[in-house]
Protein backbone atom coordinates (compact mmCIF):
# COMPACT_ATOMS: atom_id res chain seq x y z
CA MET A 1 116.60 129.27 68.04
CA ARG A 2 117.79 128.56 64.47
CA GLY A 3 120.31 131.42 64.35
CA ARG A 4 123.89 130.26 63.92
CA ALA A 5 126.52 130.96 66.53
CA PRO A 6 130.22 130.99 65.53
CA LYS A 7 132.13 127.85 66.37
CA ARG A 8 135.58 127.79 67.95
CA GLY A 9 138.13 129.58 65.81
CA GLY A 10 135.38 131.62 64.10
CA GLU A 11 134.09 128.74 61.97
CA SER A 12 130.37 128.12 61.71
CA ALA A 13 128.91 124.65 62.20
CA SER A 14 127.19 122.89 59.36
CA ALA A 15 124.80 119.96 59.48
CA ALA A 16 126.36 116.53 59.66
CA SER A 17 126.00 114.37 56.59
CA VAL A 18 123.07 111.94 56.53
CA SER A 19 123.59 108.50 55.08
CA ALA A 20 120.80 106.78 53.20
CA ALA A 21 120.73 103.63 55.34
CA PRO A 22 121.09 103.96 59.13
CA ALA A 23 123.64 101.59 60.61
CA TYR A 24 124.37 100.92 64.27
CA ARG A 25 127.78 102.08 65.49
CA ARG A 26 129.38 100.22 68.44
CA SER A 27 130.66 103.57 69.76
CA GLY A 28 127.19 104.37 71.01
CA GLY A 29 125.32 105.88 68.08
CA TYR A 30 123.31 105.13 64.98
CA ALA A 31 124.57 106.44 61.71
CA GLY A 32 121.80 108.13 59.96
CA GLY A 33 123.97 110.99 60.24
CA ASP A 34 127.02 109.20 61.57
CA PRO A 35 127.98 110.16 65.14
CA GLY A 36 131.59 109.83 64.10
CA ALA A 37 131.27 112.13 61.09
CA SER A 38 133.24 115.35 61.32
CA VAL A 39 131.70 118.79 61.19
CA GLU A 40 133.49 121.76 59.63
CA SER A 41 135.17 122.67 62.90
CA GLY A 42 136.85 119.29 63.08
CA ASP A 43 134.75 118.26 66.07
CA THR A 44 132.78 115.04 65.83
CA LEU A 45 129.33 114.59 67.29
CA GLU A 46 130.86 112.21 69.82
CA GLN A 47 133.24 114.92 71.02
CA GLN A 48 130.37 117.38 71.30
CA TRP A 49 128.31 114.80 73.21
CA ALA A 50 131.21 114.19 75.58
CA ARG A 51 131.36 117.91 76.38
CA VAL A 52 127.57 118.05 76.89
CA ARG A 53 127.77 115.11 79.29
CA ALA A 54 130.66 116.69 81.21
CA ARG A 55 128.72 119.92 81.69
CA LEU A 56 125.61 118.00 82.78
CA ARG A 57 127.69 116.12 85.36
CA ASP A 58 129.05 119.41 86.73
CA GLU A 59 125.56 120.92 86.96
CA VAL A 60 123.49 118.06 88.42
CA GLY A 61 126.15 116.27 90.50
CA ASP A 62 127.60 112.76 90.32
CA ALA A 63 124.68 110.95 91.99
CA ALA A 64 121.95 112.31 89.70
CA PHE A 65 124.19 111.98 86.66
CA ARG A 66 124.91 108.29 87.35
CA SER A 67 121.23 107.52 87.94
CA TRP A 68 119.60 109.36 85.03
CA LEU A 69 122.04 110.78 82.48
CA SER A 70 124.98 108.39 82.31
CA PRO A 71 122.94 105.59 80.63
CA LEU A 72 121.90 107.91 77.77
CA ALA A 73 123.64 107.21 74.46
CA LEU A 74 124.25 109.27 71.33
CA GLY A 75 122.04 108.52 68.33
CA ALA A 76 121.94 110.10 64.89
CA LEU A 77 121.99 113.66 63.59
CA SER A 78 119.35 114.05 60.90
CA GLY A 79 119.09 117.57 59.56
CA SER A 80 118.62 119.79 62.62
CA GLU A 81 117.49 116.96 64.90
CA ILE A 82 119.80 114.96 67.17
CA THR A 83 118.62 111.64 68.60
CA ILE A 84 119.48 110.66 72.19
CA LEU A 85 118.82 107.06 73.25
CA ALA A 86 117.42 106.03 76.64
CA PRO A 87 117.43 102.37 77.77
CA THR A 88 113.85 102.41 79.10
CA ARG A 89 110.62 104.33 78.67
CA PHE A 90 110.68 105.23 82.39
CA MET A 91 114.10 106.87 82.09
CA ARG A 92 113.09 108.69 78.91
CA ASP A 93 110.03 110.20 80.59
CA TRP A 94 112.04 111.21 83.67
CA VAL A 95 114.73 112.94 81.59
CA LEU A 96 112.06 114.70 79.52
CA THR A 97 110.47 116.05 82.68
CA HIS A 98 113.61 117.12 84.56
CA TYR A 99 116.51 117.67 82.14
CA ALA A 100 115.01 118.26 78.67
CA ASP A 101 115.50 122.02 78.37
CA ARG A 102 119.04 121.94 79.71
CA ILE A 103 120.21 119.16 77.38
CA ARG A 104 118.79 121.00 74.38
CA GLY A 105 120.42 124.24 75.50
CA LEU A 106 123.83 122.61 75.86
CA TRP A 107 123.52 120.94 72.45
CA CYS A 108 122.60 124.24 70.77
CA ALA A 109 125.63 125.86 72.41
CA GLU A 110 127.89 123.08 71.12
CA ASN A 111 126.35 122.83 67.65
CA PRO A 112 123.96 125.60 66.46
CA GLU A 113 122.73 123.27 63.70
CA VAL A 114 120.94 121.24 66.39
CA GLN A 115 117.48 122.74 66.89
CA THR A 116 115.54 119.76 68.27
CA VAL A 117 116.47 116.80 70.40
CA ASP A 118 114.63 113.51 69.92
CA LEU A 119 114.79 111.46 73.14
CA THR A 120 113.67 107.94 72.29
CA VAL A 121 113.81 104.47 73.78
CA GLN A 122 116.84 102.54 72.56
CA THR A 123 115.00 99.30 71.83
CA ALA A 124 112.54 101.18 69.63
CA VAL A 125 115.42 102.33 67.42
CA LEU A 126 117.01 98.89 67.37
CA ALA A 127 113.75 97.44 66.13
CA ALA A 128 113.44 100.01 63.32
CA PRO A 129 113.62 98.84 59.67
CA PRO A 130 117.22 98.64 58.48
CA VAL A 131 116.73 100.71 55.32
CA GLU A 132 113.81 103.07 55.68
CA ALA A 133 113.85 105.88 58.18
CA PRO A 134 111.57 105.24 61.16
CA SER A 135 108.01 106.45 60.76
CA ARG A 136 107.01 109.44 62.88
CA PRO A 137 103.49 109.85 64.24
CA ASP A 138 101.76 113.20 63.95
CA SER A 139 101.95 113.59 67.74
CA ARG A 140 105.64 114.35 67.38
CA GLU A 141 104.84 117.75 65.88
CA VAL A 142 103.72 118.87 69.34
CA GLY A 143 107.15 118.00 70.71
CA ARG A 144 108.92 119.84 67.90
CA ALA A 145 107.18 123.07 68.87
CA THR A 146 109.26 123.15 72.01
CA GLY A 147 112.33 121.51 70.51
CA TRP A 148 111.62 118.14 72.11
CA ASP A 149 110.31 114.87 70.73
CA MET A 150 108.49 112.35 72.93
CA GLY A 151 110.14 109.48 71.08
CA ARG A 152 109.42 107.20 68.17
CA ASP A 153 107.57 104.63 70.23
CA MET A 154 104.60 106.82 71.23
CA GLY A 155 102.42 104.57 69.07
CA ARG A 156 103.10 101.60 71.39
CA GLU A 157 100.55 100.59 73.94
CA PRO A 158 100.94 102.86 77.03
CA ASP A 159 101.27 100.07 79.59
CA ARG A 160 104.00 98.20 77.76
CA ALA A 161 107.49 99.45 78.63
CA PRO A 162 110.33 98.23 76.38
CA ALA A 163 112.76 95.85 78.05
CA TRP A 164 116.48 95.56 77.47
CA ASP A 165 116.14 92.10 76.00
CA GLU A 166 113.88 93.26 73.13
CA ALA A 167 116.84 94.15 70.92
CA PRO A 168 117.49 91.85 67.95
CA PRO A 169 120.10 89.10 68.49
CA GLY A 170 123.62 90.43 68.25
CA LEU A 171 122.59 94.02 69.11
CA GLN A 172 121.70 93.55 72.78
CA PRO A 173 123.65 95.56 75.36
CA ALA A 174 126.36 93.66 77.20
CA ARG A 175 124.28 93.12 80.36
CA ALA A 176 121.15 91.18 81.22
CA THR A 177 118.17 92.48 83.12
CA THR A 178 118.08 90.88 86.58
CA PHE A 179 114.71 92.34 87.60
CA PRO A 180 111.36 91.58 85.99
CA THR A 181 109.49 94.54 84.60
CA ALA A 182 106.36 95.58 86.48
CA GLN A 183 104.26 94.42 83.56
CA ASP A 184 105.52 90.86 83.96
CA ASP A 185 104.19 88.33 86.39
CA GLY A 186 107.66 88.46 87.93
CA ILE A 187 106.44 90.77 90.70
CA GLY A 188 105.94 87.57 92.65
CA ASP A 189 109.70 87.00 92.50
CA VAL A 190 110.25 90.21 94.49
CA SER A 191 107.14 90.38 96.67
CA ALA A 192 107.18 88.26 99.82
CA PRO A 193 104.54 85.50 100.16
CA LEU A 194 101.38 86.34 102.09
CA ASP A 195 100.31 84.27 105.09
CA PRO A 196 96.79 82.90 104.41
CA ARG A 197 95.99 83.10 108.14
CA PHE A 198 96.50 86.86 108.28
CA THR A 199 93.18 88.22 107.05
CA PHE A 200 90.75 90.79 108.39
CA ASP A 201 88.37 88.00 109.40
CA ASN A 202 91.02 86.56 111.73
CA PHE A 203 92.03 89.90 113.25
CA VAL A 204 90.54 90.50 116.69
CA VAL A 205 89.63 94.16 117.15
CA GLY A 206 89.75 95.93 120.50
CA LYS A 207 90.25 99.43 121.79
CA PRO A 208 94.09 99.27 121.54
CA ASN A 209 94.03 98.52 117.80
CA GLU A 210 90.68 99.81 116.53
CA LEU A 211 92.11 102.89 114.76
CA ALA A 212 94.80 100.91 112.94
CA HIS A 213 92.25 98.26 111.93
CA ALA A 214 89.75 100.84 110.64
CA ALA A 215 92.44 102.65 108.64
CA ALA A 216 93.71 99.39 107.14
CA ARG A 217 90.16 98.43 106.17
CA ARG A 218 89.56 101.79 104.50
CA VAL A 219 92.76 101.57 102.45
CA ALA A 220 92.07 97.97 101.40
CA GLU A 221 88.45 98.55 100.41
CA ALA A 222 88.65 102.03 98.87
CA GLY A 223 88.84 102.30 95.11
CA ALA A 224 90.85 105.53 95.32
CA VAL A 225 93.86 106.39 97.45
CA THR A 226 92.66 107.82 100.77
CA PHE A 227 95.58 107.99 103.19
CA ASN A 228 99.01 108.20 101.59
CA PRO A 229 101.07 106.88 103.14
CA LEU A 230 99.36 104.73 105.74
CA PHE A 231 101.89 104.31 108.56
CA LEU A 232 101.22 101.56 111.13
CA TYR A 233 103.39 101.35 114.22
CA GLY A 234 103.47 99.45 117.49
CA GLY A 235 105.56 97.12 119.61
CA VAL A 236 106.53 93.54 118.87
CA GLY A 237 103.68 91.10 118.33
CA LEU A 238 100.81 93.61 118.35
CA GLY A 239 99.47 92.90 114.84
CA LYS A 240 101.30 95.19 112.38
CA THR A 241 102.30 92.38 110.04
CA HIS A 242 98.86 90.79 110.34
CA LEU A 243 97.23 94.02 109.14
CA MET A 244 99.74 94.42 106.30
CA HIS A 245 98.99 90.91 105.02
CA ALA A 246 95.26 91.49 105.48
CA ILE A 247 95.39 94.65 103.35
CA ALA A 248 97.23 92.82 100.56
CA HIS A 249 94.78 89.89 100.67
CA GLU A 250 91.76 92.22 100.49
CA ILE A 251 93.16 94.29 97.61
CA LYS A 252 93.94 91.16 95.61
CA ARG A 253 90.45 89.81 96.28
CA ARG A 254 88.63 93.02 95.34
CA GLN A 255 90.90 94.31 92.57
CA PRO A 256 93.04 91.45 91.24
CA GLN A 257 94.33 93.62 88.39
CA ARG A 258 96.19 95.94 90.77
CA LYS A 259 99.91 95.31 91.11
CA VAL A 260 100.86 94.89 94.77
CA ILE A 261 104.34 94.42 96.22
CA TYR A 262 104.69 93.48 99.88
CA LEU A 263 108.13 92.96 101.40
CA SER A 264 110.16 93.77 104.47
CA ALA A 265 112.52 96.73 104.55
CA GLU A 266 115.40 94.26 104.83
CA ARG A 267 114.33 92.54 101.60
CA PHE A 268 113.93 95.93 99.89
CA MET A 269 117.52 96.71 100.88
CA TYR A 270 118.68 93.31 99.59
CA GLN A 271 117.00 93.88 96.22
CA PHE A 272 118.58 97.32 95.96
CA ILE A 273 122.08 95.97 96.77
CA ARG A 274 121.51 93.23 94.20
CA ALA A 275 120.62 95.84 91.59
CA LEU A 276 123.79 97.79 92.40
CA ARG A 277 125.91 94.65 92.20
CA PHE A 278 124.60 93.69 88.76
CA LYS A 279 124.46 97.32 87.58
CA ASP A 280 120.74 97.03 87.05
CA THR A 281 119.38 99.95 89.07
CA MET A 282 117.14 101.17 86.26
CA ALA A 283 115.21 97.89 86.18
CA PHE A 284 114.91 98.12 89.97
CA LYS A 285 113.53 101.67 89.74
CA GLN A 286 111.16 100.75 86.94
CA LEU A 287 109.78 97.78 88.87
CA PHE A 288 109.19 99.50 92.22
CA ARG A 289 107.94 102.80 90.79
CA SER A 290 105.30 101.30 88.52
CA VAL A 291 103.29 99.26 91.05
CA ASP A 292 99.84 100.28 92.32
CA VAL A 293 100.47 99.43 95.98
CA LEU A 294 103.87 99.28 97.70
CA MET A 295 103.94 97.80 101.22
CA ILE A 296 107.15 97.95 103.29
CA ASP A 297 107.18 96.16 106.65
CA ASP A 298 109.52 97.07 109.54
CA VAL A 299 110.95 100.18 107.87
CA GLN A 300 113.12 100.84 110.94
CA PHE A 301 115.64 98.33 109.56
CA ILE A 302 116.87 100.81 106.93
CA SER A 303 117.96 103.22 109.68
CA GLY A 304 121.56 104.20 109.06
CA LYS A 305 121.53 102.74 105.52
CA ASP A 306 121.99 106.01 103.62
CA SER A 307 121.90 104.69 100.05
CA THR A 308 118.86 102.50 100.69
CA GLN A 309 117.10 105.41 102.39
CA GLU A 310 117.77 107.66 99.41
CA GLU A 311 116.39 105.09 96.97
CA PHE A 312 113.32 104.51 99.17
CA PHE A 313 112.84 108.28 99.41
CA HIS A 314 112.78 108.71 95.63
CA THR A 315 110.58 105.63 95.18
CA PHE A 316 108.16 107.00 97.78
CA ASN A 317 107.98 110.39 96.04
CA ALA A 318 107.49 108.84 92.60
CA LEU A 319 104.59 106.68 93.78
CA VAL A 320 102.86 109.45 95.73
CA ASP A 321 103.20 111.80 92.75
CA GLN A 322 101.43 109.17 90.62
CA ASN A 323 98.72 108.75 93.29
CA ARG A 324 99.81 105.17 94.03
CA GLN A 325 99.24 103.74 97.51
CA VAL A 326 102.17 103.39 99.94
CA ILE A 327 101.78 101.45 103.22
CA VAL A 328 104.58 101.30 105.80
CA SER A 329 104.96 99.72 109.24
CA ALA A 330 107.53 100.22 111.99
CA ASP A 331 108.01 99.68 115.70
CA LYS A 332 107.91 103.43 116.43
CA SER A 333 106.18 106.52 115.09
CA PRO A 334 107.95 108.39 112.25
CA SER A 335 109.12 111.17 114.58
CA ASP A 336 110.75 108.64 116.95
CA LEU A 337 112.60 106.62 114.31
CA GLU A 338 116.31 107.17 114.85
CA GLY A 339 118.81 106.95 112.00
CA LEU A 340 116.34 108.12 109.33
CA GLU A 341 116.84 111.33 107.37
CA GLU A 342 114.57 114.18 108.42
CA ARG A 343 113.07 114.47 104.93
CA LEU A 344 112.10 110.79 105.02
CA ARG A 345 110.62 111.01 108.52
CA SER A 346 108.50 113.99 107.50
CA ARG A 347 107.14 112.17 104.46
CA LEU A 348 106.33 109.02 106.42
CA GLY A 349 104.23 111.15 108.76
CA TRP A 350 102.58 112.87 105.82
CA GLY A 351 99.47 110.70 105.61
CA LEU A 352 97.72 108.80 108.41
CA VAL A 353 99.80 107.50 111.33
CA ALA A 354 97.94 104.80 113.28
CA ASP A 355 99.41 103.08 116.32
CA LEU A 356 98.67 99.69 117.86
CA HIS A 357 98.78 99.99 121.63
CA PRO A 358 99.72 97.13 123.98
CA THR A 359 96.82 94.73 124.43
CA ASN A 360 94.47 94.99 127.40
CA TYR A 361 92.87 92.10 129.27
CA GLU A 362 89.66 92.06 127.21
CA LEU A 363 91.51 92.04 123.89
CA ARG A 364 93.86 89.25 125.02
CA LEU A 365 90.90 87.16 126.14
CA GLY A 366 89.18 87.71 122.79
CA ILE A 367 92.34 86.72 120.89
CA LEU A 368 92.70 83.53 122.93
CA GLY A 369 89.05 82.60 122.30
CA THR A 370 89.42 83.15 118.56
CA LYS A 371 92.64 81.12 118.38
CA ALA A 372 91.13 78.29 120.41
CA ASP A 373 88.11 78.13 118.07
CA ALA A 374 90.39 78.05 115.03
CA MET A 375 92.29 75.12 116.56
CA ASN A 376 89.05 73.29 117.48
CA ALA A 377 90.42 73.04 121.01
CA ARG A 378 88.14 72.84 124.05
CA ILE A 379 89.86 74.95 126.68
CA PRO A 380 88.21 75.83 130.00
CA THR A 381 87.27 79.48 130.41
CA LYS A 382 89.32 79.69 133.61
CA VAL A 383 92.45 78.68 131.71
CA LEU A 384 91.87 81.34 129.04
CA GLU A 385 91.27 83.99 131.71
CA PHE A 386 94.42 82.90 133.54
CA LEU A 387 96.54 83.21 130.36
CA ALA A 388 95.02 86.60 129.48
CA HIS A 389 95.85 87.87 132.95
CA LYS A 390 99.37 86.46 133.19
CA ILE A 391 100.84 86.89 129.68
CA THR A 392 100.71 90.59 128.89
CA SER A 393 103.78 91.08 126.68
CA ASN A 394 102.51 90.49 123.13
CA VAL A 395 100.15 88.44 121.01
CA ARG A 396 102.85 86.12 119.64
CA GLU A 397 103.80 84.99 123.13
CA LEU A 398 100.13 84.57 124.01
CA GLU A 399 99.51 82.40 120.95
CA GLY A 400 102.68 80.43 121.65
CA ALA A 401 101.46 79.65 125.17
CA LEU A 402 98.12 78.44 123.79
CA ASN A 403 99.89 76.20 121.26
CA ARG A 404 102.02 74.67 124.00
CA ILE A 405 99.16 73.67 126.28
CA VAL A 406 97.11 72.28 123.38
CA ALA A 407 100.08 70.30 122.03
CA HIS A 408 100.86 68.96 125.52
CA SER A 409 97.26 67.82 125.95
CA GLU A 410 97.19 66.04 122.57
CA LEU A 411 100.62 64.40 122.88
CA VAL A 412 100.38 63.31 126.52
CA GLY A 413 96.66 62.67 126.53
CA ARG A 414 96.06 64.81 129.59
CA ALA A 415 93.10 67.15 129.98
CA ILE A 416 93.76 70.89 129.97
CA THR A 417 93.34 72.25 133.49
CA LEU A 418 94.60 75.25 135.41
CA GLU A 419 97.16 73.06 137.18
CA SER A 420 98.48 71.48 133.98
CA THR A 421 98.70 74.91 132.36
CA GLN A 422 100.83 76.26 135.20
CA GLU A 423 103.07 73.21 134.99
CA VAL A 424 103.57 73.36 131.23
CA LEU A 425 104.14 77.13 131.12
CA HIS A 426 106.16 77.48 134.33
CA ASP A 427 109.14 79.11 132.58
CA LEU A 428 107.01 81.51 130.56
CA LEU A 429 104.88 82.49 133.56
CA ARG A 430 107.95 83.09 135.69
CA ALA A 431 109.46 85.33 133.03
CA ASN A 432 106.25 87.35 132.74
CA ASP A 433 105.99 87.66 136.51
CA ARG A 434 109.33 89.46 136.48
CA ARG A 435 108.17 91.99 133.92
CA VAL A 436 107.16 95.30 135.39
CA SER A 437 106.31 98.41 133.42
CA ILE A 438 108.25 101.66 133.74
CA ASP A 439 105.04 103.47 134.66
CA GLU A 440 104.45 101.08 137.57
CA ILE A 441 107.99 101.58 138.85
CA GLN A 442 107.70 105.37 138.67
CA LYS A 443 104.38 105.32 140.51
CA LYS A 444 105.61 102.97 143.26
CA VAL A 445 108.88 104.88 143.82
CA ALA A 446 107.04 108.24 143.89
CA GLU A 447 104.65 106.89 146.54
CA HIS A 448 107.52 105.43 148.58
CA TYR A 449 109.48 108.72 148.66
CA ASN A 450 106.37 110.90 148.90
CA ILE A 451 106.97 112.95 145.77
CA LYS A 452 104.73 113.80 142.83
CA LEU A 453 104.65 111.43 139.89
CA ALA A 454 105.26 114.42 137.62
CA ASP A 455 108.65 114.90 139.30
CA MET A 456 109.85 111.75 137.53
CA HIS A 457 109.63 113.65 134.23
CA SER A 458 110.46 117.16 135.42
CA ALA A 459 113.75 119.06 135.12
CA ARG A 460 114.02 119.59 138.90
CA ARG A 461 117.45 118.60 140.24
CA SER A 462 117.01 119.00 143.99
CA ARG A 463 118.22 116.01 146.02
CA THR A 464 114.71 115.16 147.28
CA VAL A 465 113.62 114.63 143.66
CA ALA A 466 116.83 113.56 141.90
CA ARG A 467 117.58 110.63 144.25
CA PRO A 468 114.13 108.93 143.87
CA ARG A 469 114.38 109.50 140.11
CA GLN A 470 117.75 107.71 140.07
CA VAL A 471 116.27 104.85 142.09
CA ALA A 472 113.43 104.50 139.61
CA MET A 473 115.88 104.43 136.70
CA TYR A 474 117.91 101.78 138.50
CA LEU A 475 114.86 99.57 139.05
CA CYS A 476 113.75 100.05 135.43
CA LYS A 477 117.16 98.82 134.28
CA HIS A 478 116.96 95.66 136.42
CA LEU A 479 113.25 94.83 136.32
CA THR A 480 112.28 95.61 132.71
CA THR A 481 113.58 94.61 129.30
CA ARG A 482 113.59 98.21 128.06
CA SER A 483 116.75 99.66 126.53
CA LEU A 484 118.60 102.54 128.16
CA PRO A 485 117.44 105.11 125.56
CA GLU A 486 113.82 103.96 126.06
CA ILE A 487 114.15 104.34 129.83
CA GLY A 488 115.66 107.80 129.42
CA ARG A 489 112.79 108.93 127.19
CA LYS A 490 110.28 107.81 129.86
CA PHE A 491 112.00 110.14 132.35
CA GLY A 492 111.37 113.42 130.56
CA GLY A 493 113.38 112.68 127.42
CA ARG A 494 116.72 112.21 129.18
CA ASP A 495 119.77 110.75 127.48
CA HIS A 496 120.84 107.13 128.02
CA THR A 497 124.04 108.38 129.70
CA THR A 498 121.87 109.85 132.46
CA VAL A 499 120.42 106.39 133.07
CA ILE A 500 123.90 104.85 133.20
CA HIS A 501 124.99 107.46 135.76
CA ALA A 502 121.90 106.76 137.88
CA VAL A 503 122.57 102.99 137.88
CA HIS A 504 126.21 103.48 138.93
CA LYS A 505 125.23 105.97 141.65
CA VAL A 506 122.62 103.66 143.17
CA ASP A 507 125.08 100.74 143.11
CA GLU A 508 127.62 102.87 145.02
CA LEU A 509 125.04 103.95 147.63
CA ARG A 510 123.83 100.39 148.15
CA ALA A 511 127.39 99.29 148.89
CA THR A 512 127.97 102.03 151.48
CA ASP A 513 124.52 102.71 153.00
CA SER A 514 122.70 99.71 154.48
CA SER A 515 119.40 101.56 155.04
CA PHE A 516 119.38 102.72 151.43
CA ASP A 517 120.07 99.15 150.32
CA GLU A 518 117.09 97.95 152.39
CA ASP A 519 114.87 100.55 150.69
CA ILE A 520 115.86 99.27 147.27
CA GLU A 521 115.18 95.65 148.25
CA LEU A 522 111.81 96.59 149.68
CA LEU A 523 110.83 98.38 146.49
CA ARG A 524 112.03 95.45 144.40
CA ARG A 525 109.94 92.93 146.39
CA MET A 526 106.84 95.14 146.20
CA LEU A 527 107.19 95.48 142.44
CA GLU A 528 107.84 91.77 141.85
CA SER A 529 105.02 90.55 144.08
């Protein structure tokens, strides 16, 4: 690799001059050789570096160039070694892994005198003695064998990454770090606070949530990464957030030295936008990609946010490659999340996917009993059974109902009875009475029209099947809180436009056919009773 290639115009390149005392140049280099010094061809090192950067941009694309290569700065030419400066240890290691050979090849093509490239952390150079050349550990000889140097700061402790603000006064870059490094206690500034009530001891386990609970326990208690990622999904108020907080609490209790970040997907997006605004994306990457456990709640909220998805994708890959734990929750399974890139959906389903099903009567009764004990409230068993039977939507609504009747009893001084419960919760009970499941509607309509339940999901389009199917879609629209796409999926994966057409068709028939209208009213009364 030390053979000389002719420069432009037939001239051969010679080594740049090396000054005795390195001095920092505002143009982006350190004179030890001077980046501004001319070579025999008339080209300066800065001009050569500009051409190397332009070719790198053409080869890797604008996005990768902005993220990883644009922040690199030109250092000194010393003999046959050129120094390239990276702002952080994380970026230096990434460039070494992914772009090292290509950068060296482009430099050799531009200047045959360059045989090795020393990629080092900028702050390490800034902290070097002003007169003597920086000392070089023996470990650098390994890097020289391949033309690459792992940097002057290899003697630093491995878990201490240099920060931007370590430069001496007057030599700091013209921007301030807005994110704490992962080694700082500043993780708490990014991670959301944990609710002390949401622990494993307070989580009521039943058949609908036993798999999710067991998986969460295993991840929290295991010393090594078992399922990566752990993906928890379920409807509103079924315990996803409770399990996420419980995992974080248990990890902090068992292994307080582990770095854990828990936050919602919305907050992750906010932090990323903040990093873009203050041009501090490298500190953002360094923080999120150096934790031991990353927990993202309600990941469905980054659907359609392309830039945030891309950053989360790369963060996810970096953590999994380092065998760090990733835990994610959402309201749907990875395959059903709309607005997410296919590559991200496939990775989210890579580990263990555990769902939390809607609660059954036994689980709701157990939850009410546990909440009542925690509140030191004496509630008759009949009242608890009544609430477990009537409020079937989600645990939050169930707990809210319990809080209301206890608060009413304490404030008014009236004993909790079945009658007082019905009076206090009349609006909530009435709303729940109106809620009918799609499965119940399909079953009742199929029985009424004497067709098979499977016909509700089939592709058959005969009138004897299509009309009852339209009626069922119509009743689902008016008697449930489900969205049109959700209703369509329950009818054999049909599109929401099919549901809209069914609703309009049934409305037209009810206006023109009195017997058909009576059928619809009969079905409605049966379902609401």
